[in-house]
Amino acid sequence: MFDRSIVVLTFFSALGSGLMAGLFFVFSTFMMTALSRLPAAQSIAAMQSINVVILNPLFGLVFSGTALASILLAIVSFFRLGEPAATYLLAGSLLYLIGSVLVTIVFNVPLNDMLASADPGVVGPDLWTRYVASWTPWNHVRTISTIASLVCFIIAFRHSS
């Protein structure tokens, strides 16, 4: 039963990492560029709206649920280091937890909070330019990390099923 639970958690983590990778990929490849083509006030207002709407139960389940599953898988992997899937479980978990969760908390959320306090009609275009210049590279880190996490979880799943 314990092994089956690990397989299910690995599958869920792969799915969650893939969903988050897709979301981050969209922002890295075209969303921020598209928003930046608008006047700064419109870009700020649009991003403020996105940052409010994204905080919903489904997003929370995927983002936080994958983090919780990754914590559990990281712990399990320490007790199974001799097994082929354990290294991939640990790598996938750490990539997700550090590259997605930690980066989001330390870098992207504070930038989003700063943007949330801005009045789009009052601030100049400098705010949006600085926001994009700081936020986007950290989103690239999240994108790459979650793609790598997905790959690790797929390999672990293959070894464990």
Protein backbone atom coordinates (compact mmCIF):
# COMPACT_ATOMS: atom_id res chain seq x y z
CA MET A 1 0.00 0.00 0.00
CA PHE A 2 2.85 2.39 0.86
CA ASP A 3 4.44 1.90 -2.56
CA ARG A 4 1.13 2.55 -4.30
CA SER A 5 0.78 5.81 -2.38
CA ILE A 6 4.22 6.89 -3.58
CA VAL A 7 3.27 6.11 -7.18
CA VAL A 8 0.07 8.16 -6.82
CA LEU A 9 1.96 11.08 -5.22
CA THR A 10 4.57 10.91 -7.99
CA PHE A 11 1.86 10.98 -10.65
CA PHE A 12 0.12 13.91 -8.92
CA SER A 13 3.44 15.77 -8.60
CA ALA A 14 4.23 15.22 -12.27
CA LEU A 15 0.78 16.49 -13.22
CA GLY A 16 1.03 19.50 -10.89
CA SER A 17 4.54 20.36 -12.07
CA GLY A 18 3.37 20.13 -15.66
CA LEU A 19 0.40 22.39 -15.06
CA MET A 20 2.57 24.96 -13.28
CA ALA A 21 5.23 24.70 -15.99
CA GLY A 22 2.56 25.46 -18.59
CA LEU A 23 1.32 28.47 -16.65
CA PHE A 24 4.80 29.87 -16.11
CA PHE A 25 5.72 29.10 -19.74
CA VAL A 26 2.78 31.17 -20.98
CA PHE A 27 3.93 34.19 -18.99
CA SER A 28 7.57 33.73 -20.01
CA THR A 29 6.96 33.25 -23.72
CA PHE A 30 4.21 35.72 -24.57
CA MET A 31 1.99 37.05 -21.79
CA MET A 32 4.43 39.61 -20.38
CA THR A 33 5.43 40.69 -23.90
CA ALA A 34 1.78 41.13 -24.86
CA LEU A 35 1.02 43.11 -21.71
CA SER A 36 4.09 45.29 -22.30
CA ARG A 37 2.75 46.33 -25.70
CA LEU A 38 -0.11 48.09 -23.95
CA PRO A 39 0.22 51.48 -22.32
CA ALA A 40 1.78 51.09 -18.84
CA ALA A 41 -1.45 51.96 -17.02
CA GLN A 42 -3.33 49.22 -18.91
CA SER A 43 -0.52 46.72 -18.37
CA ILE A 44 -0.49 47.41 -14.63
CA ALA A 45 -4.27 47.17 -14.37
CA ALA A 46 -4.31 43.91 -16.34
CA MET A 47 -1.56 42.33 -14.23
CA GLN A 48 -3.26 43.50 -11.03
CA SER A 49 -6.42 41.75 -12.20
CA ILE A 50 -4.51 38.57 -13.14
CA ASN A 51 -2.82 38.52 -9.73
CA VAL A 52 -6.21 38.71 -7.99
CA VAL A 53 -8.03 36.19 -10.19
CA ILE A 54 -5.26 33.59 -10.06
CA LEU A 55 -5.70 33.21 -6.31
CA ASN A 56 -8.52 30.71 -6.55
CA PRO A 57 -9.08 27.23 -5.08
CA LEU A 58 -8.06 25.31 -8.20
CA PHE A 59 -4.78 27.19 -8.54
CA GLY A 60 -4.20 26.78 -4.81
CA LEU A 61 -4.79 23.03 -5.04
CA VAL A 62 -2.33 22.60 -7.89
CA PHE A 63 0.38 24.96 -6.60
CA SER A 64 0.19 24.05 -2.90
CA GLY A 65 -0.87 20.44 -3.41
CA THR A 66 2.16 19.81 -5.59
CA ALA A 67 4.34 21.47 -2.95
CA LEU A 68 2.91 19.24 -0.21
CA ALA A 69 3.31 16.12 -2.35
CA SER A 70 6.89 17.19 -3.13
CA ILE A 71 7.69 17.54 0.57
CA LEU A 72 6.35 14.05 1.24
CA LEU A 73 8.24 12.60 -1.75
CA ALA A 74 11.47 14.29 -0.68
CA ILE A 75 11.15 12.73 2.79
CA VAL A 76 10.37 9.29 1.34
CA SER A 77 13.27 9.53 -1.10
CA PHE A 78 15.76 9.85 1.78
CA PHE A 79 14.63 6.48 3.12
CA ARG A 80 14.87 4.84 -0.31
CA LEU A 81 18.09 6.27 -1.72
CA GLY A 82 19.16 2.86 -3.02
CA GLU A 83 16.10 2.58 -5.26
CA PRO A 84 16.26 3.90 -8.85
CA ALA A 85 13.32 6.30 -8.48
CA ALA A 86 14.53 7.93 -5.24
CA THR A 87 17.12 10.25 -6.81
CA TYR A 88 14.56 11.47 -9.34
CA LEU A 89 11.94 11.94 -6.64
CA LEU A 90 14.35 14.01 -4.57
CA ALA A 91 15.51 16.06 -7.57
CA GLY A 92 11.95 16.66 -8.79
CA SER A 93 10.81 17.64 -5.32
CA LEU A 94 13.68 20.05 -4.71
CA LEU A 95 13.33 21.60 -8.16
CA TYR A 96 9.65 22.24 -7.53
CA LEU A 97 10.03 23.45 -3.95
CA ILE A 98 13.01 25.71 -4.57
CA GLY A 99 12.49 26.74 -8.19
CA SER A 100 8.74 27.23 -8.02
CA VAL A 101 7.55 27.73 -4.45
CA LEU A 102 10.56 29.49 -2.93
CA VAL A 103 11.15 31.72 -5.97
CA THR A 104 7.46 32.63 -6.02
CA ILE A 105 7.43 33.53 -2.31
CA VAL A 106 10.76 35.38 -2.24
CA PHE A 107 10.69 37.19 -5.58
CA ASN A 108 7.44 37.14 -7.57
CA VAL A 109 4.92 37.68 -4.77
CA PRO A 110 6.69 40.75 -3.32
CA LEU A 111 6.81 42.25 -6.81
CA ASN A 112 3.11 41.46 -7.26
CA ASP A 113 2.33 43.04 -3.89
CA MET A 114 4.26 46.18 -4.87
CA LEU A 115 2.32 46.34 -8.15
CA ALA A 116 -0.99 45.78 -6.32
CA SER A 117 -0.47 48.93 -4.29
CA ALA A 118 0.04 51.08 -7.39
CA ASP A 119 -2.69 53.21 -8.90
CA PRO A 120 -2.40 52.51 -12.66
CA GLY A 121 -3.72 55.96 -13.53
CA VAL A 122 -1.19 57.77 -11.37
CA VAL A 123 2.12 55.90 -11.71
CA GLY A 124 4.36 56.41 -14.68
CA PRO A 125 5.61 53.79 -17.13
CA ASP A 126 8.82 53.36 -15.11
CA LEU A 127 7.01 51.19 -12.56
CA TRP A 128 5.83 48.73 -15.21
CA THR A 129 9.26 48.65 -16.88
CA ARG A 130 10.99 47.89 -13.56
CA TYR A 131 8.34 45.30 -12.65
CA VAL A 132 8.71 43.40 -15.93
CA ALA A 133 12.52 43.60 -15.78
CA SER A 134 12.51 42.01 -12.31
CA TRP A 135 9.48 39.71 -12.44
CA THR A 136 10.08 38.06 -15.81
CA PRO A 137 13.57 36.61 -15.20
CA TRP A 138 12.35 35.02 -11.97
CA ASN A 139 9.40 33.61 -13.88
CA HIS A 140 11.90 32.08 -16.33
CA VAL A 141 13.52 30.36 -13.34
CA ARG A 142 10.11 29.01 -12.31
CA THR A 143 9.43 27.83 -15.86
CA ILE A 144 12.72 25.96 -16.21
CA SER A 145 12.51 24.53 -12.69
CA THR A 146 8.99 23.17 -13.09
CA ILE A 147 9.79 21.66 -16.51
CA ALA A 148 12.84 19.97 -14.98
CA SER A 149 10.71 18.85 -12.02
CA LEU A 150 8.15 17.38 -14.40
CA VAL A 151 10.87 15.43 -16.22
CA CYS A 152 12.26 14.07 -12.93
CA PHE A 153 8.83 13.01 -11.72
CA ILE A 154 8.10 11.26 -15.05
CA ILE A 155 11.36 9.33 -14.83
CA ALA A 156 10.65 8.47 -11.18
CA PHE A 157 7.14 7.35 -12.11
CA ARG A 158 8.54 5.14 -14.85
CA HIS A 159 10.95 3.52 -12.38
CA SER A 160 8.32 3.05 -9.70
CA SER A 161 5.40 1.69 -11.69
